[in-house]
């Protein structure tokens, strides 16, 4: 899911001027859990009788495992090219959205 950032800025300890995040975006991936249904709750006219298992999808709401987060940032269009270290600036900024 692409999430627009309509206004805001980011400051770090290494650069004197804040970075404008207005009109940027981050792309977030949400983890879904499959919940098996004990009985059929909808009819699929294209399905063959007796095949497949119906599942509902539920968004994961919490995780204590950093290797299995609720949401992951998979892309962004931030421009930190003027930062003293663009890679670190981007990493810190993206990390703030993970909190």
C-alpha atoms as a PDB file:
ATOM      1  CA  UNK A   1       0.000   0.000   0.000  1.00  0.00           C
ATOM      2  CA  UNK A   2       1.441   3.381  -0.962  1.00  0.00           C
ATOM      3  CA  UNK A   3       0.997   5.996   1.797  1.00  0.00           C
ATOM      4  CA  UNK A   4       1.402   9.652   0.807  1.00  0.00           C
ATOM      5  CA  UNK A   5       3.086  12.097   3.161  1.00  0.00           C
ATOM      6  CA  UNK A   6       1.395  15.447   2.560  1.00  0.00           C
ATOM      7  CA  UNK A   7       3.626  17.458   4.889  1.00  0.00           C
ATOM      8  CA  UNK A   8       6.425  17.015   7.368  1.00  0.00           C
ATOM      9  CA  UNK A   9      10.172  17.064   7.776  1.00  0.00           C
ATOM     10  CA  UNK A  10      12.976  14.957   9.175  1.00  0.00           C
ATOM     11  CA  UNK A  11      16.006  16.152  11.145  1.00  0.00           C
ATOM     12  CA  UNK A  12      19.041  14.195  12.257  1.00  0.00           C
ATOM     13  CA  UNK A  13      22.087  14.979  14.403  1.00  0.00           C
ATOM     14  CA  UNK A  14      24.459  14.995  11.422  1.00  0.00           C
ATOM     15  CA  UNK A  15      22.891  17.672   9.192  1.00  0.00           C
ATOM     16  CA  UNK A  16      21.990  21.232  10.155  1.00  0.00           C
ATOM     17  CA  UNK A  17      18.926  21.661   7.923  1.00  0.00           C
ATOM     18  CA  UNK A  18      15.826  19.473   8.146  1.00  0.00           C
ATOM     19  CA  UNK A  19      14.796  17.419   5.117  1.00  0.00           C
ATOM     20  CA  UNK A  20      11.382  18.259   3.676  1.00  0.00           C
ATOM     21  CA  UNK A  21       9.163  15.176   3.345  1.00  0.00           C
ATOM     22  CA  UNK A  22       6.218  17.055   1.803  1.00  0.00           C
ATOM     23  CA  UNK A  23       4.688  15.187  -1.152  1.00  0.00           C
ATOM     24  CA  UNK A  24       6.791  12.071  -0.610  1.00  0.00           C
ATOM     25  CA  UNK A  25       5.518   8.558   0.045  1.00  0.00           C
ATOM     26  CA  UNK A  26       6.325   5.269   1.699  1.00  0.00           C
ATOM     27  CA  UNK A  27       5.117   1.877   0.537  1.00  0.00           C
ATOM     28  CA  UNK A  28       4.007  -0.406   3.345  1.00  0.00           C
ATOM     29  CA  UNK A  29       3.430  -4.151   3.287  1.00  0.00           C
ATOM     30  CA  UNK A  30       0.943  -5.422   5.874  1.00  0.00           C
ATOM     31  CA  UNK A  31       1.086  -9.051   7.023  1.00  0.00           C
ATOM     32  CA  UNK A  32      -2.192 -10.933   6.822  1.00  0.00           C
ATOM     33  CA  UNK A  33      -3.083 -14.049   8.790  1.00  0.00           C
ATOM     34  CA  UNK A  34      -5.233 -16.789   7.271  1.00  0.00           C
ATOM     35  CA  UNK A  35      -8.050 -17.841   9.580  1.00  0.00           C
ATOM     36  CA  UNK A  36      -9.626 -21.143   8.526  1.00  0.00           C
ATOM     37  CA  UNK A  37     -13.415 -21.150   8.573  1.00  0.00           C
ATOM     38  CA  UNK A  38     -15.169 -24.190  10.150  1.00  0.00           C
ATOM     39  CA  UNK A  39     -17.969 -23.961   7.565  1.00  0.00           C
ATOM     40  CA  UNK A  40     -18.522 -22.296   4.227  1.00  0.00           C
ATOM     41  CA  UNK A  41     -19.714 -18.706   4.681  1.00  0.00           C
ATOM     42  CA  UNK A  42     -20.043 -17.808   0.994  1.00  0.00           C
ATOM     43  CA  UNK A  43     -20.778 -19.692  -2.184  1.00  0.00           C
ATOM     44  CA  UNK A  44     -18.347 -19.648  -5.125  1.00  0.00           C
ATOM     45  CA  UNK A  45     -20.195 -20.765  -8.263  1.00  0.00           C
ATOM     46  CA  UNK A  46     -16.875 -21.423 -10.064  1.00  0.00           C
ATOM     47  CA  UNK A  47     -15.458 -23.765  -7.394  1.00  0.00           C
ATOM     48  CA  UNK A  48     -15.545 -27.544  -7.666  1.00  0.00           C
ATOM     49  CA  UNK A  49     -17.401 -29.159  -4.788  1.00  0.00           C
ATOM     50  CA  UNK A  50     -15.096 -30.525  -2.083  1.00  0.00           C
ATOM     51  CA  UNK A  51     -11.961 -28.682  -3.216  1.00  0.00           C
ATOM     52  CA  UNK A  52     -10.121 -25.930  -1.430  1.00  0.00           C
ATOM     53  CA  UNK A  53     -10.445 -24.503   2.044  1.00  0.00           C
ATOM     54  CA  UNK A  54     -12.143 -21.225   2.758  1.00  0.00           C
ATOM     55  CA  UNK A  55     -10.078 -18.711   4.725  1.00  0.00           C
ATOM     56  CA  UNK A  56     -10.679 -15.221   6.005  1.00  0.00           C
ATOM     57  CA  UNK A  57      -7.796 -12.762   5.988  1.00  0.00           C
ATOM     58  CA  UNK A  58      -7.100 -10.721   9.097  1.00  0.00           C
ATOM     59  CA  UNK A  59      -4.475  -8.003   9.415  1.00  0.00           C
ATOM     60  CA  UNK A  60      -1.869  -8.822  12.025  1.00  0.00           C
ATOM     61  CA  UNK A  61      -2.113  -6.289  14.860  1.00  0.00           C
ATOM     62  CA  UNK A  62       0.927  -6.983  17.036  1.00  0.00           C
ATOM     63  CA  UNK A  63       4.248  -8.779  17.028  1.00  0.00           C
ATOM     64  CA  UNK A  64       7.060  -9.066  19.539  1.00  0.00           C
ATOM     65  CA  UNK A  65       9.382 -10.613  16.940  1.00  0.00           C
ATOM     66  CA  UNK A  66      11.441  -8.053  14.942  1.00  0.00           C
ATOM     67  CA  UNK A  67      11.924 -10.697  12.231  1.00  0.00           C
ATOM     68  CA  UNK A  68       8.140 -10.985  11.797  1.00  0.00           C
ATOM     69  CA  UNK A  69       6.767  -7.423  11.921  1.00  0.00           C
ATOM     70  CA  UNK A  70       3.146  -6.337  11.565  1.00  0.00           C
ATOM     71  CA  UNK A  71       4.089  -4.016   8.698  1.00  0.00           C
ATOM     72  CA  UNK A  72       7.231  -3.495   6.646  1.00  0.00           C
ATOM     73  CA  UNK A  73       8.310  -0.468   4.670  1.00  0.00           C
ATOM     74  CA  UNK A  74       9.263  -1.823   1.268  1.00  0.00           C
ATOM     75  CA  UNK A  75       9.920   1.411  -0.676  1.00  0.00           C
ATOM     76  CA  UNK A  76      10.004   5.208  -0.412  1.00  0.00           C
ATOM     77  CA  UNK A  77      10.877   8.217  -2.525  1.00  0.00           C
ATOM     78  CA  UNK A  78      12.756  10.242   0.088  1.00  0.00           C
ATOM     79  CA  UNK A  79      15.615  12.378  -1.225  1.00  0.00           C
ATOM     80  CA  UNK A  80      18.551  12.558   1.171  1.00  0.00           C
ATOM     81  CA  UNK A  81      21.166  13.192  -1.529  1.00  0.00           C
ATOM     82  CA  UNK A  82      22.279  16.396   0.206  1.00  0.00           C
ATOM     83  CA  UNK A  83      22.792  14.648   3.574  1.00  0.00           C
ATOM     84  CA  UNK A  84      26.291  14.163   4.949  1.00  0.00           C
ATOM     85  CA  UNK A  85      25.574  10.413   4.734  1.00  0.00           C
ATOM     86  CA  UNK A  86      22.452   9.767   2.601  1.00  0.00           C
ATOM     87  CA  UNK A  87      22.270   6.054   3.475  1.00  0.00           C
ATOM     88  CA  UNK A  88      22.269   6.663   7.226  1.00  0.00           C
ATOM     89  CA  UNK A  89      19.779   9.547   6.942  1.00  0.00           C
ATOM     90  CA  UNK A  90      17.350   7.372   4.982  1.00  0.00           C
ATOM     91  CA  UNK A  91      17.796   4.446   7.356  1.00  0.00           C
ATOM     92  CA  UNK A  92      17.076   6.595  10.424  1.00  0.00           C
ATOM     93  CA  UNK A  93      14.048   8.252   8.806  1.00  0.00           C
ATOM     94  CA  UNK A  94      12.549   4.954   7.630  1.00  0.00           C
ATOM     95  CA  UNK A  95      13.194   3.515  11.101  1.00  0.00           C
ATOM     96  CA  UNK A  96      11.004   6.228  12.627  1.00  0.00           C
ATOM     97  CA  UNK A  97       8.028   4.961  10.620  1.00  0.00           C
ATOM     98  CA  UNK A  98       8.551   1.455  12.032  1.00  0.00           C
ATOM     99  CA  UNK A  99       8.006   2.526  15.633  1.00  0.00           C
END
